[in-house]
N, C-alpha and C. Protein backbone atom coordinates (compact mmCIF):
# COMPACT_ATOMS: atom_id res chain seq x y z
N MET A 1 0.82 -1.16 0.01
CA MET A 1 0.02 0.01 0.02
C MET A 1 0.88 1.22 0.03
N PHE A 2 0.43 2.21 -0.80
CA PHE A 2 1.13 3.44 -0.87
C PHE A 2 0.18 4.64 -0.80
N ASP A 3 0.48 5.67 -0.03
CA ASP A 3 -0.48 6.77 0.08
C ASP A 3 0.44 8.02 0.23
N THR A 4 -0.14 9.26 -0.26
CA THR A 4 0.50 10.50 -0.15
C THR A 4 -0.45 11.50 0.50
N SER A 5 0.11 12.53 1.05
CA SER A 5 -0.70 13.72 1.47
C SER A 5 0.23 14.96 1.35
N ILE A 6 -0.36 16.11 1.30
CA ILE A 6 0.33 17.34 1.10
C ILE A 6 -0.30 18.40 1.91
N GLU A 7 0.57 19.20 2.53
CA GLU A 7 0.18 20.28 3.41
C GLU A 7 0.90 21.56 2.96
N GLU A 8 0.22 22.65 2.81
CA GLU A 8 0.76 23.93 2.48
C GLU A 8 1.27 24.57 3.81
N ARG A 9 2.53 24.96 3.80
CA ARG A 9 3.12 25.64 4.93
C ARG A 9 3.56 27.10 4.45
N ASP A 10 4.08 27.90 5.32
CA ASP A 10 4.45 29.29 4.90
C ASP A 10 5.28 29.36 3.66
N ASP A 11 6.41 28.62 3.68
CA ASP A 11 7.31 28.79 2.53
C ASP A 11 7.68 27.48 1.93
N PHE A 12 6.93 26.38 2.16
CA PHE A 12 7.14 25.14 1.54
C PHE A 12 5.88 24.30 1.59
N LEU A 13 5.93 23.17 0.79
CA LEU A 13 4.93 22.17 0.84
C LEU A 13 5.47 20.98 1.62
N LEU A 14 4.67 20.48 2.60
CA LEU A 14 5.10 19.36 3.33
C LEU A 14 4.40 18.15 2.60
N VAL A 15 5.17 17.27 2.14
CA VAL A 15 4.78 16.07 1.37
C VAL A 15 5.02 14.90 2.34
N LYS A 16 3.95 14.15 2.65
CA LYS A 16 4.05 12.93 3.43
C LYS A 16 3.84 11.64 2.58
N LEU A 17 4.83 10.71 2.67
CA LEU A 17 4.65 9.52 1.90
C LEU A 17 4.40 8.37 2.97
N LYS A 18 3.67 7.44 2.58
CA LYS A 18 3.27 6.31 3.51
C LYS A 18 3.31 5.03 2.72
N GLY A 19 3.85 3.92 3.31
CA GLY A 19 3.82 2.65 2.74
C GLY A 19 5.08 2.28 2.00
N ASP A 20 4.91 1.65 0.78
CA ASP A 20 5.96 1.23 -0.05
C ASP A 20 6.08 2.09 -1.37
N LEU A 21 7.14 2.61 -1.57
CA LEU A 21 7.36 3.40 -2.80
C LEU A 21 8.28 2.54 -3.77
N ASP A 22 7.65 1.71 -4.64
CA ASP A 22 8.25 0.84 -5.49
C ASP A 22 7.68 0.78 -6.86
N VAL A 23 8.14 -0.22 -7.64
CA VAL A 23 7.61 -0.49 -8.98
C VAL A 23 6.11 -0.61 -8.99
N TYR A 24 5.50 -1.09 -7.94
CA TYR A 24 4.04 -1.29 -7.85
C TYR A 24 3.29 -0.02 -7.61
N SER A 25 3.91 0.92 -6.95
CA SER A 25 3.21 2.18 -6.60
C SER A 25 3.62 3.32 -7.63
N LYS A 26 4.57 3.03 -8.56
CA LYS A 26 5.07 4.03 -9.44
C LYS A 26 3.98 4.91 -10.04
N GLU A 27 3.00 4.23 -10.60
CA GLU A 27 1.93 4.95 -11.31
C GLU A 27 1.22 5.94 -10.50
N ASP A 28 0.87 5.52 -9.24
CA ASP A 28 0.22 6.38 -8.22
C ASP A 28 1.12 7.63 -7.93
N PHE A 29 2.40 7.39 -7.76
CA PHE A 29 3.37 8.39 -7.39
C PHE A 29 3.56 9.37 -8.53
N VAL A 30 3.69 8.87 -9.77
CA VAL A 30 3.85 9.72 -10.88
C VAL A 30 2.68 10.61 -11.06
N GLU A 31 1.45 10.15 -10.87
CA GLU A 31 0.19 10.91 -11.01
C GLU A 31 0.21 11.99 -9.89
N PHE A 32 0.57 11.62 -8.60
CA PHE A 32 0.68 12.58 -7.56
C PHE A 32 1.67 13.67 -7.84
N ASN A 33 2.83 13.28 -8.33
CA ASN A 33 3.97 14.24 -8.80
C ASN A 33 3.44 15.20 -9.78
N ASP A 34 2.85 14.64 -10.85
CA ASP A 34 2.33 15.47 -11.95
C ASP A 34 1.30 16.41 -11.50
N LYS A 35 0.33 15.99 -10.69
CA LYS A 35 -0.76 16.90 -10.27
C LYS A 35 -0.40 17.86 -9.17
N SER A 36 0.43 17.39 -8.25
CA SER A 36 0.67 18.26 -6.96
C SER A 36 1.99 18.88 -6.88
N LEU A 37 3.03 18.33 -7.49
CA LEU A 37 4.38 18.76 -7.20
C LEU A 37 5.04 19.47 -8.37
N LYS A 38 4.85 19.00 -9.56
CA LYS A 38 5.54 19.48 -10.66
C LYS A 38 5.30 20.94 -11.01
N ASN A 39 4.11 21.43 -10.81
CA ASN A 39 3.84 22.76 -11.23
C ASN A 39 3.81 23.75 -9.99
N THR A 40 4.34 23.31 -8.84
CA THR A 40 4.45 24.18 -7.73
C THR A 40 5.69 25.00 -7.80
N ASP A 41 5.61 26.23 -7.28
CA ASP A 41 6.77 27.09 -7.15
C ASP A 41 7.27 27.13 -5.73
N ASN A 42 6.90 26.17 -4.86
CA ASN A 42 7.28 26.10 -3.55
C ASN A 42 8.44 25.15 -3.34
N ASN A 43 9.19 25.37 -2.30
CA ASN A 43 10.20 24.43 -1.84
C ASN A 43 9.46 23.15 -1.31
N LEU A 44 10.07 22.00 -1.26
CA LEU A 44 9.46 20.73 -0.81
C LEU A 44 10.17 20.20 0.37
N VAL A 45 9.44 19.76 1.38
CA VAL A 45 9.86 19.03 2.47
C VAL A 45 9.20 17.68 2.46
N ILE A 46 9.90 16.55 2.29
CA ILE A 46 9.27 15.30 2.05
C ILE A 46 9.58 14.50 3.37
N ASP A 47 8.41 14.20 4.07
CA ASP A 47 8.45 13.49 5.31
C ASP A 47 8.27 12.00 5.06
N LEU A 48 9.36 11.18 5.42
CA LEU A 48 9.33 9.78 5.13
C LEU A 48 9.18 8.97 6.39
N GLU A 49 8.53 9.59 7.42
CA GLU A 49 8.32 8.86 8.66
C GLU A 49 7.47 7.63 8.53
N ASN A 50 6.54 7.63 7.63
CA ASN A 50 5.68 6.46 7.48
C ASN A 50 5.94 5.72 6.16
N LEU A 51 7.13 6.06 5.50
CA LEU A 51 7.53 5.29 4.32
C LEU A 51 8.44 4.11 4.81
N ASP A 52 7.87 2.90 4.53
CA ASP A 52 8.51 1.74 5.02
C ASP A 52 9.52 1.15 4.07
N TYR A 53 9.39 1.35 2.76
CA TYR A 53 10.29 0.62 1.81
C TYR A 53 10.35 1.50 0.50
N ILE A 54 11.55 1.48 -0.06
CA ILE A 54 11.70 2.15 -1.36
C ILE A 54 12.72 1.36 -2.18
N ASP A 55 12.35 1.10 -3.53
CA ASP A 55 13.28 0.39 -4.36
C ASP A 55 13.98 1.39 -5.35
N SER A 56 14.62 0.84 -6.31
CA SER A 56 15.28 1.69 -7.31
C SER A 56 14.33 2.50 -8.10
N THR A 57 13.11 1.99 -8.37
CA THR A 57 12.17 2.79 -8.97
C THR A 57 11.76 4.10 -8.18
N GLY A 58 11.57 3.82 -6.89
CA GLY A 58 11.33 4.92 -6.06
C GLY A 58 12.41 5.95 -5.97
N LEU A 59 13.66 5.43 -5.94
CA LEU A 59 14.84 6.40 -6.00
C LEU A 59 14.80 7.24 -7.25
N GLY A 60 14.46 6.62 -8.32
CA GLY A 60 14.36 7.32 -9.62
C GLY A 60 13.37 8.36 -9.62
N MET A 61 12.27 8.16 -8.95
CA MET A 61 11.19 9.20 -8.77
C MET A 61 11.77 10.36 -7.96
N PHE A 62 12.55 10.00 -6.95
CA PHE A 62 13.07 11.17 -6.12
C PHE A 62 14.02 11.98 -6.96
N ILE A 63 14.81 11.35 -7.80
CA ILE A 63 15.75 12.12 -8.72
C ILE A 63 14.89 12.99 -9.59
N ASN A 64 13.81 12.45 -10.18
CA ASN A 64 12.99 13.33 -11.04
C ASN A 64 12.39 14.56 -10.32
N ILE A 65 12.01 14.39 -9.07
CA ILE A 65 11.57 15.49 -8.22
C ILE A 65 12.73 16.53 -8.03
N TYR A 66 13.88 15.97 -7.74
CA TYR A 66 15.04 16.87 -7.48
C TYR A 66 15.31 17.69 -8.80
N LYS A 67 15.27 17.04 -9.88
CA LYS A 67 15.51 17.75 -11.18
C LYS A 67 14.49 18.82 -11.50
N ASP A 68 13.24 18.52 -11.25
CA ASP A 68 12.16 19.47 -11.43
C ASP A 68 12.37 20.65 -10.49
N GLN A 69 12.74 20.42 -9.18
CA GLN A 69 12.89 21.54 -8.23
C GLN A 69 14.10 22.25 -8.62
N GLU A 70 15.17 21.67 -8.99
CA GLU A 70 16.37 22.32 -9.31
C GLU A 70 16.26 23.29 -10.52
N GLU A 71 15.43 22.94 -11.55
CA GLU A 71 15.09 23.86 -12.68
C GLU A 71 14.39 25.07 -12.25
N LYS A 72 13.59 24.97 -11.14
CA LYS A 72 12.79 26.08 -10.64
C LYS A 72 13.61 26.87 -9.51
N GLU A 73 14.88 26.35 -9.24
CA GLU A 73 15.73 26.88 -8.26
C GLU A 73 15.07 26.84 -6.86
N LYS A 74 14.49 25.69 -6.60
CA LYS A 74 13.86 25.42 -5.34
C LYS A 74 14.52 24.14 -4.75
N TYR A 75 14.43 23.96 -3.43
CA TYR A 75 15.03 22.88 -2.79
C TYR A 75 14.06 21.68 -2.46
N VAL A 76 14.73 20.61 -2.11
CA VAL A 76 13.99 19.43 -1.61
C VAL A 76 14.76 19.01 -0.30
N LYS A 77 14.01 18.96 0.74
CA LYS A 77 14.55 18.47 2.00
C LYS A 77 13.78 17.14 2.36
N ILE A 78 14.55 16.29 2.85
CA ILE A 78 13.89 14.97 3.29
C ILE A 78 14.11 14.85 4.74
N ILE A 79 12.94 14.60 5.46
CA ILE A 79 12.96 14.53 6.99
C ILE A 79 12.42 13.16 7.36
N ASN A 80 12.78 12.72 8.60
CA ASN A 80 12.29 11.53 9.21
C ASN A 80 12.43 10.18 8.42
N PRO A 81 13.58 10.05 7.71
CA PRO A 81 13.78 8.71 7.04
C PRO A 81 14.07 7.59 8.00
N LYS A 82 13.51 6.41 7.76
CA LYS A 82 13.83 5.27 8.58
C LYS A 82 15.27 4.88 8.17
N GLU A 83 15.89 4.06 9.04
CA GLU A 83 17.31 3.64 8.88
C GLU A 83 17.55 2.97 7.53
N ASN A 84 16.56 2.09 7.15
CA ASN A 84 16.82 1.38 5.90
C ASN A 84 16.74 2.26 4.69
N ILE A 85 15.90 3.30 4.77
CA ILE A 85 15.82 4.19 3.72
C ILE A 85 17.02 5.14 3.63
N LYS A 86 17.36 5.60 4.81
CA LYS A 86 18.56 6.52 4.94
C LYS A 86 19.81 5.83 4.32
N LYS A 87 19.99 4.51 4.66
CA LYS A 87 21.07 3.74 4.22
C LYS A 87 21.07 3.62 2.71
N LEU A 88 19.90 3.36 2.08
CA LEU A 88 19.85 3.28 0.64
C LEU A 88 20.24 4.58 0.01
N PHE A 89 19.75 5.76 0.52
CA PHE A 89 20.17 7.06 -0.02
C PHE A 89 21.68 7.23 0.08
N LYS A 90 22.25 6.75 1.23
CA LYS A 90 23.68 6.92 1.37
C LYS A 90 24.56 6.12 0.39
N ILE A 91 24.15 4.87 0.22
CA ILE A 91 24.98 3.91 -0.60
C ILE A 91 24.82 4.30 -2.09
N THR A 92 23.72 5.01 -2.46
CA THR A 92 23.48 5.44 -3.79
C THR A 92 23.91 6.96 -4.01
N ASP A 93 24.62 7.47 -3.00
CA ASP A 93 25.08 8.88 -3.04
C ASP A 93 23.97 9.93 -3.33
N LEU A 94 22.78 9.54 -3.00
CA LEU A 94 21.73 10.55 -3.16
C LEU A 94 21.64 11.65 -1.99
N THR A 95 22.35 11.30 -0.85
CA THR A 95 22.41 12.28 0.18
C THR A 95 23.25 13.52 -0.29
N ASN A 96 23.97 13.39 -1.37
CA ASN A 96 24.59 14.55 -1.91
C ASN A 96 23.59 15.47 -2.65
N LEU A 97 22.53 14.99 -3.16
CA LEU A 97 21.54 15.75 -3.84
C LEU A 97 20.58 16.38 -2.91
N PHE A 98 20.15 15.65 -1.94
CA PHE A 98 19.13 16.13 -1.01
C PHE A 98 19.57 16.64 0.34
N ASP A 99 18.98 17.62 0.90
CA ASP A 99 19.15 17.95 2.24
C ASP A 99 18.39 17.02 3.11
N MET A 100 19.13 16.06 3.61
CA MET A 100 18.55 14.96 4.34
C MET A 100 18.78 15.01 5.81
N GLU A 101 17.72 14.99 6.59
CA GLU A 101 17.83 15.09 8.04
C GLU A 101 18.52 13.81 8.55
N GLU A 102 19.56 14.01 9.31
CA GLU A 102 20.22 12.76 9.83
C GLU A 102 19.50 12.07 11.03
C-alpha cells in the first residue's frame, strides 16, 4: 500500500509518503507528482516517517523530483527517514543531492 498527502506551509509544501514506494506504486506516485508537485513554485519538504520501503524505481522518482525542483531553483529536504531508507540514499550517493535530516 502506498499513500500521499500534502500540506501547504508558509514557505514550503510538506509532502508525506506512507507505505512502499516501489515499482508497484510508481503509477500512483507519478500521478501525484504530476498533479501536485511538478507545477508548484514552492520548496518541498518530504516526510518519510511512514515510508516503510523504497526500491530503485522509487529512488528514480526522487531524482525526477530533484531535477524538477532544481530547474525552478527550489530545494527538496527529506525528513524522518527510517534507517533502511537513509542507508539506501547513502549507498547510492543521493544524500549529496538532497538536504537529508540525519
